[in-house]
PDB file of all heavy atoms in Angstrom:
ATOM      1  N   GLN A   1       0.813  -1.190   0.010  1.00  0.00           N
ATOM      2  CA  GLN A   1       0.004  -0.013  -0.004  1.00  0.00           C
ATOM      3  C   GLN A   1       0.869   1.257  -0.006  1.00  0.00           C
ATOM      4  O   GLN A   1       1.849   1.343   0.743  1.00  0.00           O
ATOM      5  CB  GLN A   1      -0.913   0.006   1.244  1.00  0.00           C
ATOM      6  CG  GLN A   1      -1.940   1.137   1.226  1.00  0.00           C
ATOM      7  CD  GLN A   1      -2.980   0.972   2.338  1.00  0.00           C
ATOM      8  OE1 GLN A   1      -2.731   0.265   3.315  1.00  0.00           O
ATOM      9  NE2 GLN A   1      -4.100   1.623   2.174  1.00  0.00           N
ATOM     10  N   THR A   2       0.460   2.216  -0.848  1.00  0.00           N
ATOM     11  CA  THR A   2       1.097   3.537  -0.845  1.00  0.00           C
ATOM     12  C   THR A   2       0.066   4.545  -0.326  1.00  0.00           C
ATOM     13  O   THR A   2      -1.058   4.607  -0.819  1.00  0.00           O
ATOM     14  CB  THR A   2       1.533   3.930  -2.256  1.00  0.00           C
ATOM     15  OG1 THR A   2       2.488   3.008  -2.747  1.00  0.00           O
ATOM     16  CG2 THR A   2       2.157   5.328  -2.255  1.00  0.00           C
ATOM     17  N   ILE A   3       0.478   5.308   0.656  1.00  0.00           N
ATOM     18  CA  ILE A   3      -0.432   6.238   1.349  1.00  0.00           C
ATOM     19  C   ILE A   3       0.218   7.608   1.383  1.00  0.00           C
ATOM     20  O   ILE A   3       1.413   7.747   1.696  1.00  0.00           O
ATOM     21  CB  ILE A   3      -0.735   5.766   2.770  1.00  0.00           C
ATOM     22  CG1 ILE A   3      -1.482   4.421   2.742  1.00  0.00           C
ATOM     23  CG2 ILE A   3      -1.558   6.805   3.535  1.00  0.00           C
ATOM     24  CD1 ILE A   3      -1.549   3.738   4.067  1.00  0.00           C
ATOM     25  N   GLU A   4      -0.569   8.620   1.080  1.00  0.00           N
ATOM     26  CA  GLU A   4      -0.080  10.002   1.184  1.00  0.00           C
ATOM     27  C   GLU A   4      -0.976  10.777   2.153  1.00  0.00           C
ATOM     28  O   GLU A   4      -2.195  10.804   1.992  1.00  0.00           O
ATOM     29  CB  GLU A   4      -0.117  10.686  -0.188  1.00  0.00           C
ATOM     30  CG  GLU A   4       0.500  12.074  -0.192  1.00  0.00           C
ATOM     31  CD  GLU A   4       0.719  12.672  -1.576  1.00  0.00           C
ATOM     32  OE1 GLU A   4       0.566  11.897  -2.552  1.00  0.00           O
ATOM     33  OE2 GLU A   4       1.048  13.867  -1.672  1.00  0.00           O
ATOM     34  N   ILE A   5      -0.354  11.405   3.136  1.00  0.00           N
ATOM     35  CA  ILE A   5      -1.054  12.176   4.139  1.00  0.00           C
ATOM     36  C   ILE A   5      -0.591  13.628   4.046  1.00  0.00           C
ATOM     37  O   ILE A   5       0.613  13.901   4.044  1.00  0.00           O
ATOM     38  CB  ILE A   5      -0.773  11.623   5.564  1.00  0.00           C
ATOM     39  CG1 ILE A   5      -1.119  10.131   5.638  1.00  0.00           C
ATOM     40  CG2 ILE A   5      -1.530  12.411   6.641  1.00  0.00           C
ATOM     41  CD1 ILE A   5      -2.580   9.796   5.336  1.00  0.00           C
ATOM     42  N   PRO A   6      -1.507  14.572   3.986  1.00  0.00           N
ATOM     43  CA  PRO A   6      -1.113  15.983   3.780  1.00  0.00           C
ATOM     44  C   PRO A   6      -0.490  16.633   5.038  1.00  0.00           C
ATOM     45  O   PRO A   6      -0.625  16.071   6.149  1.00  0.00           O
ATOM     46  CB  PRO A   6      -2.420  16.667   3.409  1.00  0.00           C
ATOM     47  CG  PRO A   6      -3.486  15.838   4.094  1.00  0.00           C
ATOM     48  CD  PRO A   6      -2.990  14.433   4.026  1.00  0.00           C
ATOM     49  N   ALA A   7       0.135  17.731   4.842  1.00  0.00           N
ATOM     50  CA  ALA A   7       0.762  18.464   5.956  1.00  0.00           C
ATOM     51  C   ALA A   7      -0.257  18.838   7.010  1.00  0.00           C
ATOM     52  O   ALA A   7      -1.427  19.126   6.692  1.00  0.00           O
ATOM     53  CB  ALA A   7       1.478  19.706   5.415  1.00  0.00           C
ATOM     54  N   ASN A   8       0.165  18.862   8.252  1.00  0.00           N
ATOM     55  CA  ASN A   8      -0.627  19.276   9.403  1.00  0.00           C
ATOM     56  C   ASN A   8      -1.775  18.314   9.697  1.00  0.00           C
ATOM     57  O   ASN A   8      -2.712  18.664  10.435  1.00  0.00           O
ATOM     58  CB  ASN A   8      -1.190  20.695   9.239  1.00  0.00           C
ATOM     59  CG  ASN A   8      -0.070  21.704   9.091  1.00  0.00           C
ATOM     60  OD1 ASN A   8       0.883  21.655   9.879  1.00  0.00           O
ATOM     61  ND2 ASN A   8      -0.180  22.586   8.119  1.00  0.00           N
ATOM     62  N   ALA A   9      -1.735  17.143   9.116  1.00  0.00           N
ATOM     63  CA  ALA A   9      -2.747  16.102   9.394  1.00  0.00           C
ATOM     64  C   ALA A   9      -2.043  14.855   9.929  1.00  0.00           C
ATOM     65  O   ALA A   9      -0.832  14.679   9.708  1.00  0.00           O
ATOM     66  CB  ALA A   9      -3.563  15.768   8.173  1.00  0.00           C
ATOM     67  N   THR A  10      -2.808  14.005  10.608  1.00  0.00           N
ATOM     68  CA  THR A  10      -2.289  12.721  11.083  1.00  0.00           C
ATOM     69  C   THR A  10      -3.182  11.619  10.578  1.00  0.00           C
ATOM     70  O   THR A  10      -4.308  11.891  10.129  1.00  0.00           O
ATOM     71  CB  THR A  10      -2.220  12.677  12.607  1.00  0.00           C
ATOM     72  OG1 THR A  10      -3.543  12.861  13.141  1.00  0.00           O
ATOM     73  CG2 THR A  10      -1.317  13.730  13.157  1.00  0.00           C
ATOM     74  N   ALA A  11      -2.706  10.396  10.639  1.00  0.00           N
ATOM     75  CA  ALA A  11      -3.487   9.285  10.133  1.00  0.00           C
ATOM     76  C   ALA A  11      -3.304   8.032  10.979  1.00  0.00           C
ATOM     77  O   ALA A  11      -2.241   7.784  11.534  1.00  0.00           O
ATOM     78  CB  ALA A  11      -3.111   8.975   8.680  1.00  0.00           C
ATOM     79  N   ARG A  12      -4.380   7.256  11.049  1.00  0.00           N
ATOM     80  CA  ARG A  12      -4.361   5.910  11.620  1.00  0.00           C
ATOM     81  C   ARG A  12      -4.530   4.957  10.471  1.00  0.00           C
ATOM     82  O   ARG A  12      -5.586   4.905   9.836  1.00  0.00           O
ATOM     83  CB  ARG A  12      -5.452   5.765  12.682  1.00  0.00           C
ATOM     84  CG  ARG A  12      -5.597   4.386  13.242  1.00  0.00           C
ATOM     85  CD  ARG A  12      -6.520   4.339  14.450  1.00  0.00           C
ATOM     86  NE  ARG A  12      -7.845   4.828  14.159  1.00  0.00           N
ATOM     87  CZ  ARG A  12      -8.880   4.030  13.747  1.00  0.00           C
ATOM     88  NH1 ARG A  12      -8.671   2.735  13.604  1.00  0.00           N
ATOM     89  NH2 ARG A  12     -10.050   4.565  13.519  1.00  0.00           N
ATOM     90  N   ILE A  13      -3.502   4.136  10.224  1.00  0.00           N
ATOM     91  CA  ILE A  13      -3.519   3.212   9.087  1.00  0.00           C
ATOM     92  C   ILE A  13      -3.799   1.825   9.623  1.00  0.00           C
ATOM     93  O   ILE A  13      -3.060   1.289  10.475  1.00  0.00           O
ATOM     94  CB  ILE A  13      -2.175   3.236   8.356  1.00  0.00           C
ATOM     95  CG1 ILE A  13      -1.878   4.668   7.886  1.00  0.00           C
ATOM     96  CG2 ILE A  13      -2.176   2.256   7.176  1.00  0.00           C
ATOM     97  CD1 ILE A  13      -0.452   4.836   7.318  1.00  0.00           C
ATOM     98  N   CYS A  14      -4.868   1.211   9.128  1.00  0.00           N
ATOM     99  CA  CYS A  14      -5.276  -0.156   9.555  1.00  0.00           C
ATOM    100  C   CYS A  14      -4.763  -1.144   8.511  1.00  0.00           C
ATOM    101  O   CYS A  14      -5.088  -1.030   7.337  1.00  0.00           O
ATOM    102  CB  CYS A  14      -6.799  -0.237   9.680  1.00  0.00           C
ATOM    103  SG  CYS A  14      -7.493   0.991  10.804  1.00  0.00           S
ATOM    104  N   LEU A  15      -4.023  -2.132   8.973  1.00  0.00           N
ATOM    105  CA  LEU A  15      -3.363  -3.074   8.056  1.00  0.00           C
ATOM    106  C   LEU A  15      -3.857  -4.515   8.297  1.00  0.00           C
ATOM    107  O   LEU A  15      -4.133  -4.878   9.429  1.00  0.00           O
ATOM    108  CB  LEU A  15      -1.847  -3.040   8.258  1.00  0.00           C
ATOM    109  CG  LEU A  15      -1.171  -1.664   7.920  1.00  0.00           C
ATOM    110  CD1 LEU A  15       0.266  -1.712   8.339  1.00  0.00           C
ATOM    111  CD2 LEU A  15      -1.284  -1.369   6.446  1.00  0.00           C
ATOM    112  N   PRO A  16      -3.929  -5.296   7.234  1.00  0.00           N
ATOM    113  CA  PRO A  16      -4.341  -6.705   7.339  1.00  0.00           C
ATOM    114  C   PRO A  16      -3.189  -7.549   7.852  1.00  0.00           C
ATOM    115  O   PRO A  16      -2.608  -8.373   7.128  1.00  0.00           O
ATOM    116  CB  PRO A  16      -4.738  -7.059   5.880  1.00  0.00           C
ATOM    117  CG  PRO A  16      -3.852  -6.204   5.053  1.00  0.00           C
ATOM    118  CD  PRO A  16      -3.699  -4.904   5.813  1.00  0.00           C
ATOM    119  N   ALA A  17      -2.809  -7.347   9.121  1.00  0.00           N
ATOM    120  CA  ALA A  17      -1.683  -8.075   9.716  1.00  0.00           C
ATOM    121  C   ALA A  17      -1.894  -8.149  11.223  1.00  0.00           C
ATOM    122  O   ALA A  17      -2.591  -7.334  11.814  1.00  0.00           O
ATOM    123  CB  ALA A  17      -0.394  -7.362   9.395  1.00  0.00           C
ATOM    124  N   THR A  18      -1.336  -9.159  11.813  1.00  0.00           N
ATOM    125  CA  THR A  18      -1.364  -9.292  13.266  1.00  0.00           C
ATOM    126  C   THR A  18       0.024  -9.284  13.880  1.00  0.00           C
ATOM    127  O   THR A  18       0.179  -9.114  15.098  1.00  0.00           O
ATOM    128  CB  THR A  18      -2.078 -10.608  13.645  1.00  0.00           C
ATOM    129  OG1 THR A  18      -1.401 -11.722  13.002  1.00  0.00           O
ATOM    130  CG2 THR A  18      -3.522 -10.603  13.204  1.00  0.00           C
ATOM    131  N   ASP A  19       1.071  -9.486  13.053  1.00  0.00           N
ATOM    132  CA  ASP A  19       2.449  -9.522  13.555  1.00  0.00           C
ATOM    133  C   ASP A  19       3.226  -8.314  12.991  1.00  0.00           C
ATOM    134  O   ASP A  19       3.473  -8.259  11.814  1.00  0.00           O
ATOM    135  CB  ASP A  19       3.106 -10.814  13.094  1.00  0.00           C
ATOM    136  CG  ASP A  19       4.500 -10.982  13.629  1.00  0.00           C
ATOM    137  OD1 ASP A  19       4.983 -10.072  14.345  1.00  0.00           O
ATOM    138  OD2 ASP A  19       5.135 -11.998  13.313  1.00  0.00           O
ATOM    139  N   PRO A  20       3.620  -7.385  13.884  1.00  0.00           N
ATOM    140  CA  PRO A  20       4.381  -6.202  13.416  1.00  0.00           C
ATOM    141  C   PRO A  20       5.675  -6.557  12.697  1.00  0.00           C
ATOM    142  O   PRO A  20       6.129  -5.801  11.855  1.00  0.00           O
ATOM    143  CB  PRO A  20       4.667  -5.430  14.704  1.00  0.00           C
ATOM    144  CG  PRO A  20       3.643  -5.933  15.671  1.00  0.00           C
ATOM    145  CD  PRO A  20       3.380  -7.367  15.325  1.00  0.00           C
ATOM    146  N   ALA A  21       6.244  -7.751  12.986  1.00  0.00           N
ATOM    147  CA  ALA A  21       7.486  -8.131  12.365  1.00  0.00           C
ATOM    148  C   ALA A  21       7.350  -8.350  10.860  1.00  0.00           C
ATOM    149  O   ALA A  21       8.316  -8.403  10.110  1.00  0.00           O
ATOM    150  CB  ALA A  21       8.032  -9.405  13.037  1.00  0.00           C
ATOM    151  N   LYS A  22       6.094  -8.539  10.419  1.00  0.00           N
ATOM    152  CA  LYS A  22       5.861  -8.793   8.986  1.00  0.00           C
ATOM    153  C   LYS A  22       5.462  -7.529   8.234  1.00  0.00           C
ATOM    154  O   LYS A  22       5.075  -7.582   7.077  1.00  0.00           O
ATOM    155  CB  LYS A  22       4.759  -9.838   8.806  1.00  0.00           C
ATOM    156  CG  LYS A  22       5.173 -11.216   9.286  1.00  0.00           C
ATOM    157  CD  LYS A  22       4.121 -12.263   8.936  1.00  0.00           C
ATOM    158  CE  LYS A  22       4.570 -13.655   9.376  1.00  0.00           C
ATOM    159  NZ  LYS A  22       3.576 -14.707   8.981  1.00  0.00           N
ATOM    160  N   VAL A  23       5.578  -6.360   8.889  1.00  0.00           N
ATOM    161  CA  VAL A  23       5.188  -5.085   8.281  1.00  0.00           C
ATOM    162  C   VAL A  23       6.433  -4.206   8.121  1.00  0.00           C
ATOM    163  O   VAL A  23       7.209  -4.003   9.068  1.00  0.00           O
ATOM    164  CB  VAL A  23       4.164  -4.362   9.153  1.00  0.00           C
ATOM    165  CG1 VAL A  23       3.727  -3.066   8.466  1.00  0.00           C
ATOM    166  CG2 VAL A  23       2.948  -5.270   9.424  1.00  0.00           C
ATOM    167  N   THR A  24       6.606  -3.684   6.900  1.00  0.00           N
ATOM    168  CA  THR A  24       7.713  -2.781   6.624  1.00  0.00           C
ATOM    169  C   THR A  24       7.177  -1.525   5.956  1.00  0.00           C
ATOM    170  O   THR A  24       6.107  -1.541   5.336  1.00  0.00           O
ATOM    171  CB  THR A  24       8.775  -3.420   5.732  1.00  0.00           C
ATOM    172  OG1 THR A  24       8.168  -3.762   4.443  1.00  0.00           O
ATOM    173  CG2 THR A  24       9.399  -4.635   6.341  1.00  0.00           C
ATOM    174  N   GLU A  25       7.948  -0.451   6.103  1.00  0.00           N
ATOM    175  CA  GLU A  25       7.644   0.799   5.407  1.00  0.00           C
ATOM    176  C   GLU A  25       8.920   1.240   4.696  1.00  0.00           C
ATOM    177  O   GLU A  25       9.967   1.427   5.328  1.00  0.00           O
ATOM    178  CB  GLU A  25       7.159   1.899   6.379  1.00  0.00           C
ATOM    179  CG  GLU A  25       6.541   3.105   5.746  1.00  0.00           C
ATOM    180  CD  GLU A  25       7.542   4.057   5.122  1.00  0.00           C
ATOM    181  OE1 GLU A  25       8.554   4.389   5.800  1.00  0.00           O
ATOM    182  OE2 GLU A  25       7.354   4.476   3.927  1.00  0.00           O
ATOM    183  N   SER A  26       8.814   1.420   3.360  1.00  0.00           N
ATOM    184  CA  SER A  26       9.991   1.742   2.546  1.00  0.00           C
ATOM    185  C   SER A  26      11.104   0.719   2.778  1.00  0.00           C
ATOM    186  O   SER A  26      12.300   1.099   2.807  1.00  0.00           O
ATOM    187  CB  SER A  26      10.473   3.159   2.820  1.00  0.00           C
ATOM    188  OG  SER A  26       9.501   4.100   2.404  1.00  0.00           O
ATOM    189  N   GLY A  27      10.740  -0.544   2.964  1.00  0.00           N
ATOM    190  CA  GLY A  27      11.717  -1.585   3.145  1.00  0.00           C
ATOM    191  C   GLY A  27      12.279  -1.746   4.549  1.00  0.00           C
ATOM    192  O   GLY A  27      13.093  -2.670   4.788  1.00  0.00           O
ATOM    193  N   LYS A  28      11.853  -0.904   5.506  1.00  0.00           N
ATOM    194  CA  LYS A  28      12.382  -0.962   6.857  1.00  0.00           C
ATOM    195  C   LYS A  28      11.283  -1.397   7.823  1.00  0.00           C
ATOM    196  O   LYS A  28      10.121  -0.982   7.658  1.00  0.00           O
ATOM    197  CB  LYS A  28      12.918   0.398   7.284  1.00  0.00           C
ATOM    198  CG  LYS A  28      14.026   0.917   6.374  1.00  0.00           C
ATOM    199  CD  LYS A  28      14.455   2.319   6.802  1.00  0.00           C
ATOM    200  CE  LYS A  28      15.553   2.850   5.892  1.00  0.00           C
ATOM    201  NZ  LYS A  28      15.950   4.238   6.277  1.00  0.00           N
TER     202      LYS A  28
END
């Protein structure tokens, strides 16, 4: 998933996962 959030806003992103170890952002 690619997500863009504008300046001065925040976001809660809900992901189809239960294990944080299997989630990366920009490869990290």
